[in-house]
């Protein structure tokens, strides 16, 4: 048995990049899941390195190629009464990276049991905008899925340090979408020195009964870039002292541990660091959570290569078919964080200066980003 998160490569210290295949097996009892009629069972992986395939009861559910983006599968229709076998196959071929990657289910895995009508993961989009005289606009949209009915409704609640700050009813703007806008007077602003975080809770109701909730950390801040004067946060000039932060923990390997990341942030703070670039891939979601909490700006980066590879077995093999799915996963998961200040679609990308086609890919990736973050968070 192994504990998740898990990196099998770090145990092969004499051959860290050995070609290998990992199989992860778990048995679940359907009757213990608490599935209601019409409910769904969603299996969510925060990160699997890389090229993985999920099977349930020997039936293929689906593939996921990139090692750094989160993904999920609805396994409901593959479940049978009694015991159910989940198998995840992970294929590691080397060389596939310019740094130590690790291999396996190196980030967390979640099983969400959804009611018949539910809030999909990463389906809430929050935008805050400074108006004037300390006032902010809070603009929220949320999706719902499943058996939506006329009595399906949604409300939003905003908390500060565990105390209810304000409640807001939402309006149904489409069959499966709710929205709300409200002006807030003098909310506490998020800054590097005082990272004031609020918790926004979306509650989905059927009649007067709450059937699902979605919780997220948000913040209120004024961030803008001046080509002559630099970066300003809440009207205050900020000198960006950033580092490039890879995803592993050195001799601990690539398996993600939140407290190890917290310690790393604390050490970086003593060095004068106030920002990081997630070199060169999407970070674990806990990195964004810690940056919100501890007051760091994050340049979130997606790719180290596009279609032109840098190593024999890297993500370039899959980019053309999979990039839109990975960008969707990346942007939707992290777009609400107050620590986010830039999206990066690539690092030292060969395609961009090889020929005109590279510019076409650039425009396509930019369009994907704007599709899922149209308000420019």
Protein backbone atom coordinates (compact mmCIF):
# COMPACT_ATOMS: atom_id res chain seq x y z
CA UNK A 1 0.00 0.00 0.00
CA UNK A 2 1.11 3.58 -0.62
CA UNK A 3 -0.07 6.92 0.71
CA UNK A 4 -1.24 9.62 -1.70
CA UNK A 5 0.40 11.97 -2.69
CA UNK A 6 3.05 9.58 -3.98
CA UNK A 7 6.15 9.85 -6.16
CA UNK A 8 7.61 6.47 -7.06
CA UNK A 9 10.70 7.83 -8.82
CA UNK A 10 12.28 9.27 -5.68
CA UNK A 11 12.64 5.75 -4.25
CA UNK A 12 14.89 4.72 -7.16
CA UNK A 13 17.83 6.88 -6.10
CA UNK A 14 20.27 4.98 -8.31
CA UNK A 15 18.05 5.42 -11.36
CA UNK A 16 15.83 8.46 -10.91
CA UNK A 17 14.61 8.47 -14.50
CA UNK A 18 13.92 4.79 -15.06
CA UNK A 19 11.23 4.05 -17.67
CA UNK A 20 8.38 2.54 -15.71
CA UNK A 21 4.63 2.08 -15.41
CA UNK A 22 2.68 2.53 -12.21
CA UNK A 23 -0.70 1.04 -11.34
CA UNK A 24 -2.73 2.52 -8.50
CA UNK A 25 -5.62 0.41 -7.23
CA UNK A 26 -8.43 1.26 -4.85
CA UNK A 27 -11.63 -0.62 -4.03
CA UNK A 28 -14.75 1.30 -3.03
CA UNK A 29 -18.15 0.08 -1.90
CA UNK A 30 -20.96 1.78 -3.79
CA UNK A 31 -23.39 1.44 -0.91
CA UNK A 32 -21.05 3.45 1.34
CA UNK A 33 -20.89 6.46 -0.99
CA UNK A 34 -24.30 7.86 -0.09
CA UNK A 35 -25.32 8.39 -3.70
CA UNK A 36 -28.89 9.65 -4.02
CA UNK A 37 -31.08 8.89 -7.03
CA UNK A 38 -29.72 10.95 -9.92
CA UNK A 39 -26.55 11.82 -7.99
CA UNK A 40 -23.06 11.68 -9.45
CA UNK A 41 -19.66 10.43 -8.24
CA UNK A 42 -16.83 12.68 -9.49
CA UNK A 43 -13.22 11.55 -9.11
CA UNK A 44 -10.81 14.52 -9.12
CA UNK A 45 -7.02 14.29 -9.52
CA UNK A 46 -4.99 17.39 -8.63
CA UNK A 47 -1.96 16.10 -10.52
CA UNK A 48 -0.66 12.83 -12.02
CA UNK A 49 2.71 12.68 -13.75
CA UNK A 50 2.03 11.83 -16.57
CA UNK A 51 0.10 10.14 -19.40
CA UNK A 52 -2.51 8.34 -17.30
CA UNK A 53 -5.60 6.19 -17.93
CA UNK A 54 -8.42 5.48 -15.48
CA UNK A 55 -10.32 2.15 -15.42
CA UNK A 56 -13.33 1.31 -13.28
CA UNK A 57 -14.29 -2.36 -13.07
CA UNK A 58 -11.99 -3.07 -16.05
CA UNK A 59 -13.77 -0.49 -18.21
CA UNK A 60 -11.75 2.42 -19.56
CA UNK A 61 -13.14 5.73 -18.29
CA UNK A 62 -10.66 8.11 -19.92
CA UNK A 63 -7.13 9.44 -20.40
CA UNK A 64 -5.26 12.50 -19.20
CA UNK A 65 -1.91 13.39 -20.71
CA UNK A 66 -0.38 16.43 -18.99
CA UNK A 67 1.34 15.87 -15.68
CA UNK A 68 0.52 19.20 -14.06
CA UNK A 69 -3.13 20.09 -14.74
CA UNK A 70 -6.02 18.92 -12.56
CA UNK A 71 -8.63 16.65 -14.11
CA UNK A 72 -11.75 14.77 -13.17
CA UNK A 73 -13.91 11.87 -14.32
CA UNK A 74 -17.56 11.16 -13.66
CA UNK A 75 -17.43 7.48 -12.67
CA UNK A 76 -21.12 7.09 -11.73
CA UNK A 77 -22.17 5.02 -14.72
CA UNK A 78 -19.25 2.61 -14.26
CA UNK A 79 -20.16 1.70 -10.68
CA UNK A 80 -22.07 -1.46 -9.77
CA UNK A 81 -23.62 -2.61 -6.51
CA UNK A 82 -21.06 -3.94 -4.06
CA UNK A 83 -17.31 -3.53 -4.49
CA UNK A 84 -15.85 -1.50 -7.35
CA UNK A 85 -12.22 -1.58 -8.48
CA UNK A 86 -10.57 1.69 -9.52
CA UNK A 87 -7.30 1.39 -11.45
CA UNK A 88 -5.13 4.28 -12.61
CA UNK A 89 -2.30 3.46 -15.01
CA UNK A 90 0.56 5.98 -15.21
CA UNK A 91 3.21 5.71 -17.93
CA UNK A 92 6.63 7.29 -17.35
CA UNK A 93 9.01 7.50 -20.30
CA UNK A 94 12.33 9.31 -20.04
CA UNK A 95 13.50 11.88 -20.97
CA UNK A 96 10.29 13.88 -20.65
CA UNK A 97 11.38 16.99 -18.74
CA UNK A 98 14.32 19.36 -18.27
CA UNK A 99 14.10 18.99 -14.46
CA UNK A 100 13.15 16.33 -11.93
CA UNK A 101 9.50 15.55 -12.52
CA UNK A 102 8.64 12.66 -10.24
CA UNK A 103 6.10 10.04 -11.32
CA UNK A 104 2.70 8.93 -10.11
CA UNK A 105 -0.23 10.47 -8.23
CA UNK A 106 1.95 13.15 -6.66
CA UNK A 107 -0.91 15.51 -5.69
CA UNK A 108 -4.16 14.88 -3.88
CA UNK A 109 -7.17 12.89 -5.13
CA UNK A 110 -10.78 13.68 -4.18
CA UNK A 111 -14.08 11.86 -4.57
CA UNK A 112 -17.01 14.27 -4.64
CA UNK A 113 -20.46 12.78 -4.17
CA UNK A 114 -22.91 15.13 -5.85
CA UNK A 115 -26.68 15.38 -5.42
CA UNK A 116 -29.02 15.25 -8.41
CA UNK A 117 -28.45 18.97 -8.99
CA UNK A 118 -25.03 20.27 -7.99
CA UNK A 119 -22.29 22.88 -8.33
CA UNK A 120 -19.55 21.60 -10.67
CA UNK A 121 -15.95 21.89 -9.52
CA UNK A 122 -14.35 25.21 -10.53
CA UNK A 123 -17.69 26.44 -11.87
CA UNK A 124 -17.80 29.71 -9.89
CA UNK A 125 -16.14 32.80 -11.35
CA UNK A 126 -15.48 35.81 -9.11
CA UNK A 127 -14.37 39.25 -10.26
CA UNK A 128 -13.76 42.22 -7.98
CA UNK A 129 -13.36 45.77 -9.26
CA UNK A 130 -12.55 48.98 -7.42
CA UNK A 131 -15.16 51.68 -7.99
CA UNK A 132 -14.49 54.80 -5.90
CA UNK A 133 -14.16 56.04 -2.33
CA UNK A 134 -13.34 52.59 -0.95
CA UNK A 135 -16.20 50.84 -2.74
CA UNK A 136 -15.76 47.59 -4.62
CA UNK A 137 -17.94 45.73 -7.07
CA UNK A 138 -18.32 42.03 -6.31
CA UNK A 139 -19.30 40.20 -9.51
CA UNK A 140 -20.04 36.45 -9.25
CA UNK A 141 -21.25 33.85 -11.72
CA UNK A 142 -21.76 30.19 -10.93
CA UNK A 143 -22.74 27.17 -12.97
CA UNK A 144 -24.96 24.34 -11.84
CA UNK A 145 -25.35 20.89 -13.33
CA UNK A 146 -27.69 17.95 -13.21
CA UNK A 147 -31.45 17.94 -12.80
CA UNK A 148 -32.15 21.68 -12.62
CA UNK A 149 -35.79 22.47 -11.86
CA UNK A 150 -37.86 25.66 -11.44
CA UNK A 151 -37.30 25.62 -7.67
CA UNK A 152 -33.49 25.46 -8.02
CA UNK A 153 -31.95 28.65 -6.61
CA UNK A 154 -28.57 29.98 -5.50
CA UNK A 155 -27.35 32.37 -2.82
CA UNK A 156 -23.89 33.69 -1.97
CA UNK A 157 -22.49 34.37 1.49
CA UNK A 158 -19.31 36.31 2.20
CA UNK A 159 -17.33 35.59 5.36
CA UNK A 160 -14.39 37.40 6.95
CA UNK A 161 -12.37 35.52 9.59
CA UNK A 162 -15.21 33.07 10.03
CA UNK A 163 -17.90 35.69 10.61
CA UNK A 164 -20.70 36.33 8.13
CA UNK A 165 -19.97 39.62 6.38
CA UNK A 166 -22.88 39.83 3.93
CA UNK A 167 -25.40 37.63 2.07
CA UNK A 168 -26.54 38.04 -1.53
CA UNK A 169 -29.35 36.42 -3.51
CA UNK A 170 -28.46 35.33 -7.03
CA UNK A 171 -30.44 35.71 -10.21
CA UNK A 172 -30.84 32.88 -12.70
CA UNK A 173 -29.43 34.26 -15.96
CA UNK A 174 -29.52 30.99 -17.90
CA UNK A 175 -31.05 27.59 -17.25
CA UNK A 176 -27.89 26.38 -15.48
CA UNK A 177 -26.18 29.64 -14.52
CA UNK A 178 -26.69 32.10 -11.68
CA UNK A 179 -25.16 35.55 -11.26
CA UNK A 180 -24.92 38.32 -8.69
CA UNK A 181 -23.44 41.82 -8.51
CA UNK A 182 -23.17 43.90 -5.36
CA UNK A 183 -21.35 46.99 -4.14
CA UNK A 184 -19.33 46.59 -0.96
CA UNK A 185 -18.31 49.59 1.11
CA UNK A 186 -14.73 49.59 2.39
CA UNK A 187 -13.90 45.86 2.48
CA UNK A 188 -10.44 45.16 3.85
CA UNK A 189 -7.98 45.06 0.97
CA UNK A 190 -5.59 42.22 0.19
CA UNK A 191 -1.94 43.27 0.12
CA UNK A 192 1.49 41.74 0.56
CA UNK A 193 1.73 43.19 4.08
CA UNK A 194 -1.87 42.48 5.07
CA UNK A 195 -3.26 39.62 2.98
CA UNK A 196 -6.91 40.01 4.02
CA UNK A 197 -8.82 37.05 2.63
CA UNK A 198 -12.56 36.55 2.46
CA UNK A 199 -14.39 33.28 2.01
CA UNK A 200 -17.18 33.26 -0.56
CA UNK A 201 -19.68 30.42 -0.23
CA UNK A 202 -22.07 29.56 -3.05
CA UNK A 203 -25.12 27.65 -1.82
CA UNK A 204 -27.32 25.76 -4.24
CA UNK A 205 -30.88 25.28 -3.05
CA UNK A 206 -33.81 23.15 -4.08
CA UNK A 207 -36.79 24.85 -2.53
CA UNK A 208 -35.63 25.90 0.95
CA UNK A 209 -33.08 23.07 1.27
CA UNK A 210 -29.35 23.56 0.61
CA UNK A 211 -28.20 20.67 -1.58
CA UNK A 212 -24.63 21.70 -2.45
CA UNK A 213 -22.02 24.31 -1.52
CA UNK A 214 -18.83 25.65 -3.08
CA UNK A 215 -16.26 27.55 -1.00
CA UNK A 216 -13.46 29.73 -2.30
CA UNK A 217 -10.97 32.32 -1.06
CA UNK A 218 -11.24 35.76 -2.62
CA UNK A 219 -9.73 39.17 -1.96
CA UNK A 220 -10.21 42.82 -2.85
CA UNK A 221 -7.22 44.57 -4.38
CA UNK A 222 -6.34 47.21 -6.96
CA UNK A 223 -3.57 45.90 -9.18
CA UNK A 224 -2.34 47.70 -12.25
CA UNK A 225 0.75 47.98 -14.41
CA UNK A 226 2.20 51.30 -15.55
CA UNK A 227 4.71 51.04 -18.45
CA UNK A 228 6.73 53.93 -17.05
CA UNK A 229 6.39 53.50 -13.29
CA UNK A 230 5.94 49.75 -12.73
CA UNK A 231 3.52 47.66 -10.67
CA UNK A 232 1.07 49.16 -8.20
CA UNK A 233 -1.00 47.32 -5.62
CA UNK A 234 -3.69 49.35 -3.83
CA UNK A 235 -2.08 52.56 -5.13
CA UNK A 236 1.27 51.56 -3.63
CA UNK A 237 4.35 50.91 -5.81
CA UNK A 238 5.56 47.31 -5.52
CA UNK A 239 9.02 46.16 -6.49
CA UNK A 240 8.58 42.57 -7.62
CA UNK A 241 11.24 40.39 -5.99
CA UNK A 242 10.37 37.07 -7.57
CA UNK A 243 11.78 33.57 -7.84
CA UNK A 244 11.20 30.73 -10.26
CA UNK A 245 9.61 27.95 -8.22
CA UNK A 246 9.61 24.37 -9.48
CA UNK A 247 7.11 21.89 -8.12
CA UNK A 248 9.35 19.41 -6.27
CA UNK A 249 10.79 19.43 -2.74
CA UNK A 250 14.34 18.33 -3.50
CA UNK A 251 15.21 15.12 -1.68
CA UNK A 252 11.54 14.69 -0.67
CA UNK A 253 10.63 14.26 -4.32
CA UNK A 254 7.64 15.62 -6.17
CA UNK A 255 4.86 14.42 -3.83
CA UNK A 256 3.12 17.56 -2.59
CA UNK A 257 3.07 18.41 1.11
CA UNK A 258 1.36 21.64 2.10
CA UNK A 259 3.48 22.18 5.21
CA UNK A 260 6.68 21.73 3.20
CA UNK A 261 5.43 24.42 0.84
CA UNK A 262 4.53 26.66 3.77
CA UNK A 263 8.08 26.31 5.10
CA UNK A 264 9.44 27.14 1.66
CA UNK A 265 7.34 30.32 1.54
CA UNK A 266 8.60 31.28 5.00
CA UNK A 267 12.22 30.83 3.94
CA UNK A 268 11.62 32.80 0.73
CA UNK A 269 10.09 35.62 2.78
CA UNK A 270 13.30 35.91 4.84
CA UNK A 271 15.18 36.35 1.54
CA UNK A 272 12.99 39.30 0.60
CA UNK A 273 10.88 37.40 -1.93
CA UNK A 274 7.33 38.65 -2.49
CA UNK A 275 6.37 36.84 -5.72
CA UNK A 276 6.91 33.55 -7.49
CA UNK A 277 6.64 32.16 -10.97
CA UNK A 278 5.37 28.59 -11.14
CA UNK A 279 8.17 27.31 -13.34
CA UNK A 280 7.12 25.98 -15.78
CA UNK A 281 3.72 24.50 -15.13
CA UNK A 282 0.51 24.82 -13.15
CA UNK A 283 1.15 24.63 -9.40
CA UNK A 284 -0.65 22.53 -6.83
CA UNK A 285 -3.82 24.30 -5.74
CA UNK A 286 -2.41 24.59 -2.22
CA UNK A 287 0.39 26.83 -3.56
CA UNK A 288 -2.24 29.37 -4.57
CA UNK A 289 -4.03 28.99 -1.23
CA UNK A 290 -0.81 29.63 0.70
CA UNK A 291 0.07 32.62 -1.48
CA UNK A 292 -3.37 34.10 -0.73
CA UNK A 293 -2.94 33.50 2.98
CA UNK A 294 0.69 34.60 3.33
CA UNK A 295 0.78 37.54 0.92
CA UNK A 296 2.71 36.53 -2.20
CA UNK A 297 1.98 37.43 -5.82
CA UNK A 298 1.92 34.53 -8.27
CA UNK A 299 2.79 34.48 -11.95
CA UNK A 300 1.04 31.25 -12.90
CA UNK A 301 2.69 29.46 -15.82
CA UNK A 302 1.29 26.60 -17.87
CA UNK A 303 3.82 25.07 -20.27
CA UNK A 304 7.54 24.58 -20.94
CA UNK A 305 6.89 23.45 -24.51
CA UNK A 306 4.17 23.59 -27.14
CA UNK A 307 4.22 21.47 -30.29
CA UNK A 308 8.01 21.61 -30.71
CA UNK A 309 9.46 19.33 -28.01
CA UNK A 310 12.48 19.89 -25.80
CA UNK A 311 12.93 16.23 -24.85
CA UNK A 312 11.92 12.98 -26.53
CA UNK A 313 8.84 12.14 -24.45
CA UNK A 314 7.66 15.50 -23.14
CA UNK A 315 4.18 17.04 -23.38
CA UNK A 316 4.90 18.21 -26.92
CA UNK A 317 3.62 14.78 -28.02
CA UNK A 318 0.14 15.71 -26.82
CA UNK A 319 -0.02 19.51 -26.95
CA UNK A 320 -1.94 19.97 -30.19
CA UNK A 321 -4.85 17.79 -29.08
CA UNK A 322 -4.83 18.55 -25.37
CA UNK A 323 -3.79 22.20 -24.85
CA UNK A 324 -7.33 23.59 -24.77
CA UNK A 325 -8.35 21.08 -22.07
CA UNK A 326 -5.30 21.92 -19.96
CA UNK A 327 -5.81 25.67 -20.26
CA UNK A 328 -9.46 25.25 -19.28
CA UNK A 329 -8.47 23.25 -16.19
CA UNK A 330 -5.72 25.71 -15.24
CA UNK A 331 -7.66 28.96 -15.61
CA UNK A 332 -10.94 27.80 -14.10
CA UNK A 333 -9.21 26.40 -11.02
CA UNK A 334 -7.05 29.42 -10.17
CA UNK A 335 -8.81 32.48 -11.63
CA UNK A 336 -10.40 33.64 -8.35
CA UNK A 337 -7.25 33.86 -6.20
CA UNK A 338 -6.21 37.34 -4.99
CA UNK A 339 -2.54 36.28 -5.19
CA UNK A 340 -2.79 35.79 -8.96
CA UNK A 341 -1.28 38.65 -10.94
CA UNK A 342 -0.20 37.21 -14.30
CA UNK A 343 -0.93 34.25 -16.54
CA UNK A 344 1.99 32.84 -18.55
CA UNK A 345 1.25 30.56 -21.51
CA UNK A 346 4.81 29.32 -21.89
CA UNK A 347 8.51 29.45 -21.08
CA UNK A 348 11.27 29.70 -23.71
CA UNK A 349 8.94 28.26 -26.32
CA UNK A 350 10.64 27.14 -29.53
CA UNK A 351 7.46 27.55 -31.59
CA UNK A 352 7.25 31.32 -31.05
CA UNK A 353 10.36 32.14 -33.09
CA UNK A 354 10.50 29.15 -35.44
CA UNK A 355 7.87 30.32 -37.93
CA UNK A 356 4.55 32.14 -38.28
CA UNK A 357 2.65 29.11 -37.01
CA UNK A 358 4.05 29.82 -33.56
CA UNK A 359 2.18 33.14 -33.54
CA UNK A 360 -0.99 31.31 -34.46
CA UNK A 361 -0.56 29.02 -31.45
CA UNK A 362 0.08 32.08 -29.28
CA UNK A 363 -3.17 33.70 -30.38
CA UNK A 364 -5.05 30.45 -29.84
CA UNK A 365 -3.73 30.05 -26.29
CA UNK A 366 -4.51 33.68 -25.49
CA UNK A 367 -8.06 33.11 -26.70
CA UNK A 368 -8.37 30.00 -24.49
CA UNK A 369 -7.24 32.02 -21.45
CA UNK A 370 -9.68 34.85 -22.16
CA UNK A 371 -12.50 32.39 -22.71
CA UNK A 372 -12.25 31.22 -19.10
CA UNK A 373 -11.10 34.53 -17.57
CA UNK A 374 -12.92 37.11 -19.72
CA UNK A 375 -12.78 39.83 -17.06
CA UNK A 376 -9.01 39.68 -16.73
CA UNK A 377 -8.54 38.56 -13.15
